[in-house]
Amino acid sequence: GSVQPGGSLTLSCELSGRTLDDYAI
């Protein structure tokens, strides 16, 4: 999204079809 300088954002990423344990991200 959009934010002013100094602000914060959070990105998320969900794995489907496999187990996260088996992968570097």
mmCIF file of all heavy atoms, coordinates in Angstrom:
data_MODEL
# 
_entry.id   MODEL 
# 
loop_
_atom_site.group_PDB 
_atom_site.id 
_atom_site.type_symbol 
_atom_site.label_atom_id 
_atom_site.label_alt_id 
_atom_site.label_comp_id 
_atom_site.label_asym_id 
_atom_site.label_entity_id 
_atom_site.label_seq_id 
_atom_site.pdbx_PDB_ins_code 
_atom_site.Cartn_x 
_atom_site.Cartn_y 
_atom_site.Cartn_z 
_atom_site.occupancy 
_atom_site.B_iso_or_equiv 
_atom_site.pdbx_formal_charge 
_atom_site.auth_seq_id 
_atom_site.auth_comp_id 
_atom_site.auth_asym_id 
_atom_site.auth_atom_id 
_atom_site.pdbx_PDB_model_num 
ATOM 1   N N   . GLY A 1 1  ? 0.824  -1.200  0.000  1.00 0.00 ? 1  GLY A N   1 
ATOM 2   C CA  . GLY A 1 1  ? 0.000  0.000   0.000  1.00 0.00 ? 1  GLY A CA  1 
ATOM 3   C C   . GLY A 1 1  ? 0.857  1.248   0.000  1.00 0.00 ? 1  GLY A C   1 
ATOM 4   O O   . GLY A 1 1  ? 2.031  1.206   -0.379 1.00 0.00 ? 1  GLY A O   1 
ATOM 5   N N   . SER A 1 2  ? 0.257  2.339   0.436  1.00 0.00 ? 2  SER A N   1 
ATOM 6   C CA  . SER A 1 2  ? 0.942  3.634   0.440  1.00 0.00 ? 2  SER A CA  1 
ATOM 7   C C   . SER A 1 2  ? 1.081  4.153   1.860  1.00 0.00 ? 2  SER A C   1 
ATOM 8   O O   . SER A 1 2  ? 0.175  4.003   2.677  1.00 0.00 ? 2  SER A O   1 
ATOM 9   C CB  . SER A 1 2  ? 0.150  4.639   -0.397 1.00 0.00 ? 2  SER A CB  1 
ATOM 10  O OG  . SER A 1 2  ? 0.086  4.235   -1.743 1.00 0.00 ? 2  SER A OG  1 
ATOM 11  N N   . VAL A 1 3  ? 2.202  4.792   2.117  1.00 0.00 ? 3  VAL A N   1 
ATOM 12  C CA  . VAL A 1 3  ? 2.480  5.304   3.452  1.00 0.00 ? 3  VAL A CA  1 
ATOM 13  C C   . VAL A 1 3  ? 3.410  6.498   3.320  1.00 0.00 ? 3  VAL A C   1 
ATOM 14  O O   . VAL A 1 3  ? 4.158  6.617   2.330  1.00 0.00 ? 3  VAL A O   1 
ATOM 15  C CB  . VAL A 1 3  ? 3.094  4.196   4.333  1.00 0.00 ? 3  VAL A CB  1 
ATOM 16  C CG1 . VAL A 1 3  ? 4.471  3.809   3.834  1.00 0.00 ? 3  VAL A CG1 1 
ATOM 17  C CG2 . VAL A 1 3  ? 3.126  4.593   5.797  1.00 0.00 ? 3  VAL A CG2 1 
ATOM 18  N N   . GLN A 1 4  ? 3.382  7.373   4.314  1.00 0.00 ? 4  GLN A N   1 
ATOM 19  C CA  . GLN A 1 4  ? 4.300  8.501   4.323  1.00 0.00 ? 4  GLN A CA  1 
ATOM 20  C C   . GLN A 1 4  ? 5.660  8.069   4.847  1.00 0.00 ? 4  GLN A C   1 
ATOM 21  O O   . GLN A 1 4  ? 5.763  7.064   5.563  1.00 0.00 ? 4  GLN A O   1 
ATOM 22  C CB  . GLN A 1 4  ? 3.729  9.618   5.189  1.00 0.00 ? 4  GLN A CB  1 
ATOM 23  C CG  . GLN A 1 4  ? 2.480  10.265  4.607  1.00 0.00 ? 4  GLN A CG  1 
ATOM 24  C CD  . GLN A 1 4  ? 2.013  11.440  5.438  1.00 0.00 ? 4  GLN A CD  1 
ATOM 25  O OE1 . GLN A 1 4  ? 2.288  11.539  6.631  1.00 0.00 ? 4  GLN A OE1 1 
ATOM 26  N NE2 . GLN A 1 4  ? 1.299  12.362  4.793  1.00 0.00 ? 4  GLN A NE2 1 
ATOM 27  N N   . PRO A 1 5  ? 6.685  8.819   4.511  1.00 0.00 ? 5  PRO A N   1 
ATOM 28  C CA  . PRO A 1 5  ? 8.010  8.506   5.065  1.00 0.00 ? 5  PRO A CA  1 
ATOM 29  C C   . PRO A 1 5  ? 7.967  8.432   6.583  1.00 0.00 ? 5  PRO A C   1 
ATOM 30  O O   . PRO A 1 5  ? 7.313  9.246   7.240  1.00 0.00 ? 5  PRO A O   1 
ATOM 31  C CB  . PRO A 1 5  ? 8.864  9.678   4.584  1.00 0.00 ? 5  PRO A CB  1 
ATOM 32  C CG  . PRO A 1 5  ? 8.212  10.120  3.314  1.00 0.00 ? 5  PRO A CG  1 
ATOM 33  C CD  . PRO A 1 5  ? 6.741  9.935   3.561  1.00 0.00 ? 5  PRO A CD  1 
ATOM 34  N N   . GLY A 1 6  ? 8.652  7.431   7.113  1.00 0.00 ? 6  GLY A N   1 
ATOM 35  C CA  . GLY A 1 6  ? 8.634  7.190   8.554  1.00 0.00 ? 6  GLY A CA  1 
ATOM 36  C C   . GLY A 1 6  ? 7.565  6.227   8.996  1.00 0.00 ? 6  GLY A C   1 
ATOM 37  O O   . GLY A 1 6  ? 7.567  5.777   10.146 1.00 0.00 ? 6  GLY A O   1 
ATOM 38  N N   . GLY A 1 7  ? 6.654  5.902   8.104  1.00 0.00 ? 7  GLY A N   1 
ATOM 39  C CA  . GLY A 1 7  ? 5.560  5.006   8.442  1.00 0.00 ? 7  GLY A CA  1 
ATOM 40  C C   . GLY A 1 7  ? 5.949  3.541   8.371  1.00 0.00 ? 7  GLY A C   1 
ATOM 41  O O   . GLY A 1 7  ? 7.113  3.197   8.109  1.00 0.00 ? 7  GLY A O   1 
ATOM 42  N N   . SER A 1 8  ? 4.941  2.698   8.600  1.00 0.00 ? 8  SER A N   1 
ATOM 43  C CA  . SER A 1 8  ? 5.171  1.256   8.647  1.00 0.00 ? 8  SER A CA  1 
ATOM 44  C C   . SER A 1 8  ? 4.150  0.517   7.795  1.00 0.00 ? 8  SER A C   1 
ATOM 45  O O   . SER A 1 8  ? 3.014  0.973   7.632  1.00 0.00 ? 8  SER A O   1 
ATOM 46  C CB  . SER A 1 8  ? 5.061  0.744   10.091 1.00 0.00 ? 8  SER A CB  1 
ATOM 47  O OG  . SER A 1 8  ? 6.016  1.344   10.927 1.00 0.00 ? 8  SER A OG  1 
ATOM 48  N N   . LEU A 1 9  ? 4.576  -0.611  7.280  1.00 0.00 ? 9  LEU A N   1 
ATOM 49  C CA  . LEU A 1 9  ? 3.695  -1.528  6.567  1.00 0.00 ? 9  LEU A CA  1 
ATOM 50  C C   . LEU A 1 9  ? 4.130  -2.947  6.881  1.00 0.00 ? 9  LEU A C   1 
ATOM 51  O O   . LEU A 1 9  ? 5.299  -3.189  7.192  1.00 0.00 ? 9  LEU A O   1 
ATOM 52  C CB  . LEU A 1 9  ? 3.769  -1.307  5.055  1.00 0.00 ? 9  LEU A CB  1 
ATOM 53  C CG  . LEU A 1 9  ? 3.096  -0.060  4.473  1.00 0.00 ? 9  LEU A CG  1 
ATOM 54  C CD1 . LEU A 1 9  ? 3.465  0.075   2.991  1.00 0.00 ? 9  LEU A CD1 1 
ATOM 55  C CD2 . LEU A 1 9  ? 1.588  -0.124  4.643  1.00 0.00 ? 9  LEU A CD2 1 
ATOM 56  N N   . THR A 1 10 ? 3.179  -3.869  6.762  1.00 0.00 ? 10 THR A N   1 
ATOM 57  C CA  . THR A 1 10 ? 3.492  -5.280  6.947  1.00 0.00 ? 10 THR A CA  1 
ATOM 58  C C   . THR A 1 10 ? 3.064  -6.061  5.711  1.00 0.00 ? 10 THR A C   1 
ATOM 59  O O   . THR A 1 10 ? 1.937  -5.919  5.234  1.00 0.00 ? 10 THR A O   1 
ATOM 60  C CB  . THR A 1 10 ? 2.775  -5.865  8.171  1.00 0.00 ? 10 THR A CB  1 
ATOM 61  O OG1 . THR A 1 10 ? 3.152  -5.138  9.327  1.00 0.00 ? 10 THR A OG1 1 
ATOM 62  C CG2 . THR A 1 10 ? 3.142  -7.329  8.362  1.00 0.00 ? 10 THR A CG2 1 
ATOM 63  N N   . LEU A 1 11 ? 3.986  -6.844  5.195  1.00 0.00 ? 11 LEU A N   1 
ATOM 64  C CA  . LEU A 1 11 ? 3.699  -7.728  4.077  1.00 0.00 ? 11 LEU A CA  1 
ATOM 65  C C   . LEU A 1 11 ? 3.580  -9.158  4.593  1.00 0.00 ? 11 LEU A C   1 
ATOM 66  O O   . LEU A 1 11 ? 4.308  -9.554  5.507  1.00 0.00 ? 11 LEU A O   1 
ATOM 67  C CB  . LEU A 1 11 ? 4.814  -7.661  3.033  1.00 0.00 ? 11 LEU A CB  1 
ATOM 68  C CG  . LEU A 1 11 ? 5.205  -6.268  2.535  1.00 0.00 ? 11 LEU A CG  1 
ATOM 69  C CD1 . LEU A 1 11 ? 6.282  -6.399  1.467  1.00 0.00 ? 11 LEU A CD1 1 
ATOM 70  C CD2 . LEU A 1 11 ? 4.013  -5.509  2.026  1.00 0.00 ? 11 LEU A CD2 1 
ATOM 71  N N   . SER A 1 12 ? 2.670  -9.899  3.999  1.00 0.00 ? 12 SER A N   1 
ATOM 72  C CA  . SER A 1 12 ? 2.503  -11.303 4.369  1.00 0.00 ? 12 SER A CA  1 
ATOM 73  C C   . SER A 1 12 ? 2.593  -12.176 3.134  1.00 0.00 ? 12 SER A C   1 
ATOM 74  O O   . SER A 1 12 ? 2.323  -11.735 2.013  1.00 0.00 ? 12 SER A O   1 
ATOM 75  C CB  . SER A 1 12 ? 1.156  -11.522 5.060  1.00 0.00 ? 12 SER A CB  1 
ATOM 76  O OG  . SER A 1 12 ? 1.081  -10.795 6.254  1.00 0.00 ? 12 SER A OG  1 
ATOM 77  N N   . CYS A 1 13 ? 2.973  -13.414 3.363  1.00 0.00 ? 13 CYS A N   1 
ATOM 78  C CA  . CYS A 1 13 ? 3.120  -14.376 2.269  1.00 0.00 ? 13 CYS A CA  1 
ATOM 79  C C   . CYS A 1 13 ? 2.750  -15.744 2.821  1.00 0.00 ? 13 CYS A C   1 
ATOM 80  O O   . CYS A 1 13 ? 3.383  -16.222 3.767  1.00 0.00 ? 13 CYS A O   1 
ATOM 81  C CB  . CYS A 1 13 ? 4.556  -14.347 1.753  1.00 0.00 ? 13 CYS A CB  1 
ATOM 82  S SG  . CYS A 1 13 ? 4.930  -15.519 0.443  1.00 0.00 ? 13 CYS A SG  1 
ATOM 83  N N   . GLU A 1 14 ? 1.745  -16.331 2.243  1.00 0.00 ? 14 GLU A N   1 
ATOM 84  C CA  . GLU A 1 14 ? 1.276  -17.639 2.710  1.00 0.00 ? 14 GLU A CA  1 
ATOM 85  C C   . GLU A 1 14 ? 1.599  -18.706 1.679  1.00 0.00 ? 14 GLU A C   1 
ATOM 86  O O   . GLU A 1 14 ? 1.357  -18.521 0.482  1.00 0.00 ? 14 GLU A O   1 
ATOM 87  C CB  . GLU A 1 14 ? -0.227 -17.608 2.960  1.00 0.00 ? 14 GLU A CB  1 
ATOM 88  C CG  . GLU A 1 14 ? -0.778 -18.922 3.509  1.00 0.00 ? 14 GLU A CG  1 
ATOM 89  C CD  . GLU A 1 14 ? -2.260 -18.847 3.851  1.00 0.00 ? 14 GLU A CD  1 
ATOM 90  O OE1 . GLU A 1 14 ? -2.812 -17.728 3.820  1.00 0.00 ? 14 GLU A OE1 1 
ATOM 91  O OE2 . GLU A 1 14 ? -2.856 -19.893 4.134  1.00 0.00 ? 14 GLU A OE2 1 
ATOM 92  N N   . LEU A 1 15 ? 2.165  -19.802 2.157  1.00 0.00 ? 15 LEU A N   1 
ATOM 93  C CA  . LEU A 1 15 ? 2.453  -20.931 1.289  1.00 0.00 ? 15 LEU A CA  1 
ATOM 94  C C   . LEU A 1 15 ? 1.258  -21.863 1.242  1.00 0.00 ? 15 LEU A C   1 
ATOM 95  O O   . LEU A 1 15 ? 0.670  -22.186 2.274  1.00 0.00 ? 15 LEU A O   1 
ATOM 96  C CB  . LEU A 1 15 ? 3.656  -21.735 1.794  1.00 0.00 ? 15 LEU A CB  1 
ATOM 97  C CG  . LEU A 1 15 ? 5.035  -21.263 1.374  1.00 0.00 ? 15 LEU A CG  1 
ATOM 98  C CD1 . LEU A 1 15 ? 5.378  -19.970 2.076  1.00 0.00 ? 15 LEU A CD1 1 
ATOM 99  C CD2 . LEU A 1 15 ? 6.077  -22.331 1.688  1.00 0.00 ? 15 LEU A CD2 1 
ATOM 100 N N   . SER A 1 16 ? 0.921  -22.307 0.066  1.00 0.00 ? 16 SER A N   1 
ATOM 101 C CA  . SER A 1 16 ? -0.087 -23.340 -0.062 1.00 0.00 ? 16 SER A CA  1 
ATOM 102 C C   . SER A 1 16 ? 0.466  -24.476 -0.909 1.00 0.00 ? 16 SER A C   1 
ATOM 103 O O   . SER A 1 16 ? 1.274  -24.261 -1.803 1.00 0.00 ? 16 SER A O   1 
ATOM 104 C CB  . SER A 1 16 ? -1.364 -22.785 -0.705 1.00 0.00 ? 16 SER A CB  1 
ATOM 105 O OG  . SER A 1 16 ? -1.125 -22.389 -2.034 1.00 0.00 ? 16 SER A OG  1 
ATOM 106 N N   . GLY A 1 17 ? 0.048  -25.666 -0.567 1.00 0.00 ? 17 GLY A N   1 
ATOM 107 C CA  . GLY A 1 17 ? 0.472  -26.825 -1.329 1.00 0.00 ? 17 GLY A CA  1 
ATOM 108 C C   . GLY A 1 17 ? 1.721  -27.500 -0.821 1.00 0.00 ? 17 GLY A C   1 
ATOM 109 O O   . GLY A 1 17 ? 2.069  -28.592 -1.268 1.00 0.00 ? 17 GLY A O   1 
ATOM 110 N N   . ARG A 1 18 ? 2.415  -26.853 0.073  1.00 0.00 ? 18 ARG A N   1 
ATOM 111 C CA  . ARG A 1 18 ? 3.623  -27.433 0.654  1.00 0.00 ? 18 ARG A CA  1 
ATOM 112 C C   . ARG A 1 18 ? 3.742  -26.968 2.093  1.00 0.00 ? 18 ARG A C   1 
ATOM 113 O O   . ARG A 1 18 ? 3.053  -26.073 2.546  1.00 0.00 ? 18 ARG A O   1 
ATOM 114 C CB  . ARG A 1 18 ? 4.874  -27.008 -0.134 1.00 0.00 ? 18 ARG A CB  1 
ATOM 115 C CG  . ARG A 1 18 ? 4.965  -27.563 -1.534 1.00 0.00 ? 18 ARG A CG  1 
ATOM 116 C CD  . ARG A 1 18 ? 5.254  -29.042 -1.543 1.00 0.00 ? 18 ARG A CD  1 
ATOM 117 N NE  . ARG A 1 18 ? 5.512  -29.554 -2.879 1.00 0.00 ? 18 ARG A NE  1 
ATOM 118 C CZ  . ARG A 1 18 ? 4.579  -29.979 -3.723 1.00 0.00 ? 18 ARG A CZ  1 
ATOM 119 N NH1 . ARG A 1 18 ? 3.298  -29.966 -3.359 1.00 0.00 ? 18 ARG A NH1 1 
ATOM 120 N NH2 . ARG A 1 18 ? 4.914  -30.426 -4.920 1.00 0.00 ? 18 ARG A NH2 1 
ATOM 121 N N   . THR A 1 19 ? 4.696  -27.588 2.813  1.00 0.00 ? 19 THR A N   1 
ATOM 122 C CA  . THR A 1 19 ? 4.925  -27.251 4.214  1.00 0.00 ? 19 THR A CA  1 
ATOM 123 C C   . THR A 1 19 ? 6.068  -26.255 4.315  1.00 0.00 ? 19 THR A C   1 
ATOM 124 O O   . THR A 1 19 ? 7.155  -26.498 3.786  1.00 0.00 ? 19 THR A O   1 
ATOM 125 C CB  . THR A 1 19 ? 5.249  -28.517 5.017  1.00 0.00 ? 19 THR A CB  1 
ATOM 126 O OG1 . THR A 1 19 ? 4.159  -29.442 4.897  1.00 0.00 ? 19 THR A OG1 1 
ATOM 127 C CG2 . THR A 1 19 ? 5.470  -28.180 6.475  1.00 0.00 ? 19 THR A CG2 1 
ATOM 128 N N   . LEU A 1 20 ? 5.824  -25.166 5.031  1.00 0.00 ? 20 LEU A N   1 
ATOM 129 C CA  . LEU A 1 20 ? 6.829  -24.127 5.146  1.00 0.00 ? 20 LEU A CA  1 
ATOM 130 C C   . LEU A 1 20 ? 8.143  -24.646 5.728  1.00 0.00 ? 20 LEU A C   1 
ATOM 131 O O   . LEU A 1 20 ? 9.209  -24.165 5.371  1.00 0.00 ? 20 LEU A O   1 
ATOM 132 C CB  . LEU A 1 20 ? 6.279  -22.988 6.017  1.00 0.00 ? 20 LEU A CB  1 
ATOM 133 C CG  . LEU A 1 20 ? 7.209  -21.812 6.285  1.00 0.00 ? 20 LEU A CG  1 
ATOM 134 C CD1 . LEU A 1 20 ? 7.618  -21.135 4.985  1.00 0.00 ? 20 LEU A CD1 1 
ATOM 135 C CD2 . LEU A 1 20 ? 6.535  -20.812 7.214  1.00 0.00 ? 20 LEU A CD2 1 
ATOM 136 N N   . ASP A 1 21 ? 8.067  -25.645 6.613  1.00 0.00 ? 21 ASP A N   1 
ATOM 137 C CA  . ASP A 1 21 ? 9.268  -26.216 7.242  1.00 0.00 ? 21 ASP A CA  1 
ATOM 138 C C   . ASP A 1 21 ? 10.343 -26.583 6.225  1.00 0.00 ? 21 ASP A C   1 
ATOM 139 O O   . ASP A 1 21 ? 11.531 -26.549 6.531  1.00 0.00 ? 21 ASP A O   1 
ATOM 140 C CB  . ASP A 1 21 ? 8.900  -27.499 8.001  1.00 0.00 ? 21 ASP A CB  1 
ATOM 141 C CG  . ASP A 1 21 ? 8.159  -27.224 9.283  1.00 0.00 ? 21 ASP A CG  1 
ATOM 142 O OD1 . ASP A 1 21 ? 7.950  -26.039 9.588  1.00 0.00 ? 21 ASP A OD1 1 
ATOM 143 O OD2 . ASP A 1 21 ? 7.786  -28.193 9.959  1.00 0.00 ? 21 ASP A OD2 1 
ATOM 144 N N   . ASP A 1 22 ? 9.930  -26.955 5.036  1.00 0.00 ? 22 ASP A N   1 
ATOM 145 C CA  . ASP A 1 22 ? 10.861 -27.488 4.042  1.00 0.00 ? 22 ASP A CA  1 
ATOM 146 C C   . ASP A 1 22 ? 11.485 -26.412 3.166  1.00 0.00 ? 22 ASP A C   1 
ATOM 147 O O   . ASP A 1 22 ? 12.257 -26.732 2.253  1.00 0.00 ? 22 ASP A O   1 
ATOM 148 C CB  . ASP A 1 22 ? 10.141 -28.496 3.144  1.00 0.00 ? 22 ASP A CB  1 
ATOM 149 C CG  . ASP A 1 22 ? 9.657  -29.718 3.913  1.00 0.00 ? 22 ASP A CG  1 
ATOM 150 O OD1 . ASP A 1 22 ? 10.286 -30.047 4.932  1.00 0.00 ? 22 ASP A OD1 1 
ATOM 151 O OD2 . ASP A 1 22 ? 8.649  -30.313 3.487  1.00 0.00 ? 22 ASP A OD2 1 
ATOM 152 N N   . TYR A 1 23 ? 11.174 -25.127 3.424  1.00 0.00 ? 23 TYR A N   1 
ATOM 153 C CA  . TYR A 1 23 ? 11.581 -24.070 2.504  1.00 0.00 ? 23 TYR A CA  1 
ATOM 154 C C   . TYR A 1 23 ? 12.264 -22.909 3.213  1.00 0.00 ? 23 TYR A C   1 
ATOM 155 O O   . TYR A 1 23 ? 11.822 -22.452 4.274  1.00 0.00 ? 23 TYR A O   1 
ATOM 156 C CB  . TYR A 1 23 ? 10.369 -23.530 1.747  1.00 0.00 ? 23 TYR A CB  1 
ATOM 157 C CG  . TYR A 1 23 ? 9.803  -24.536 0.786  1.00 0.00 ? 23 TYR A CG  1 
ATOM 158 C CD1 . TYR A 1 23 ? 8.897  -25.499 1.213  1.00 0.00 ? 23 TYR A CD1 1 
ATOM 159 C CD2 . TYR A 1 23 ? 10.210 -24.562 -0.543 1.00 0.00 ? 23 TYR A CD2 1 
ATOM 160 C CE1 . TYR A 1 23 ? 8.418  -26.461 0.338  1.00 0.00 ? 23 TYR A CE1 1 
ATOM 161 C CE2 . TYR A 1 23 ? 9.724  -25.498 -1.426 1.00 0.00 ? 23 TYR A CE2 1 
ATOM 162 C CZ  . TYR A 1 23 ? 8.825  -26.450 -0.977 1.00 0.00 ? 23 TYR A CZ  1 
ATOM 163 O OH  . TYR A 1 23 ? 8.360  -27.390 -1.841 1.00 0.00 ? 23 TYR A OH  1 
ATOM 164 N N   . ALA A 1 24 ? 13.337 -22.439 2.572  1.00 0.00 ? 24 ALA A N   1 
ATOM 165 C CA  . ALA A 1 24 ? 13.873 -21.134 2.921  1.00 0.00 ? 24 ALA A CA  1 
ATOM 166 C C   . ALA A 1 24 ? 12.976 -20.081 2.274  1.00 0.00 ? 24 ALA A C   1 
ATOM 167 O O   . ALA A 1 24 ? 12.350 -20.331 1.238  1.00 0.00 ? 24 ALA A O   1 
ATOM 168 C CB  . ALA A 1 24 ? 15.300 -20.999 2.416  1.00 0.00 ? 24 ALA A CB  1 
ATOM 169 N N   . ILE A 1 25 ? 12.934 -18.905 2.884  1.00 0.00 ? 25 ILE A N   1 
ATOM 170 C CA  . ILE A 1 25 ? 12.069 -17.836 2.394  1.00 0.00 ? 25 ILE A CA  1 
ATOM 171 C C   . ILE A 1 25 ? 12.886 -16.583 2.157  1.00 0.00 ? 25 ILE A C   1 
ATOM 172 O O   . ILE A 1 25 ? 13.730 -16.213 2.974  1.00 0.00 ? 25 ILE A O   1 
ATOM 173 C CB  . ILE A 1 25 ? 10.945 -17.520 3.399  1.00 0.00 ? 25 ILE A CB  1 
ATOM 174 C CG1 . ILE A 1 25 ? 10.036 -18.736 3.594  1.00 0.00 ? 25 ILE A CG1 1 
ATOM 175 C CG2 . ILE A 1 25 ? 10.146 -16.302 2.931  1.00 0.00 ? 25 ILE A CG2 1 
ATOM 176 C CD1 . ILE A 1 25 ? 9.281  -19.147 2.347  1.00 0.00 ? 25 ILE A CD1 1 
# 
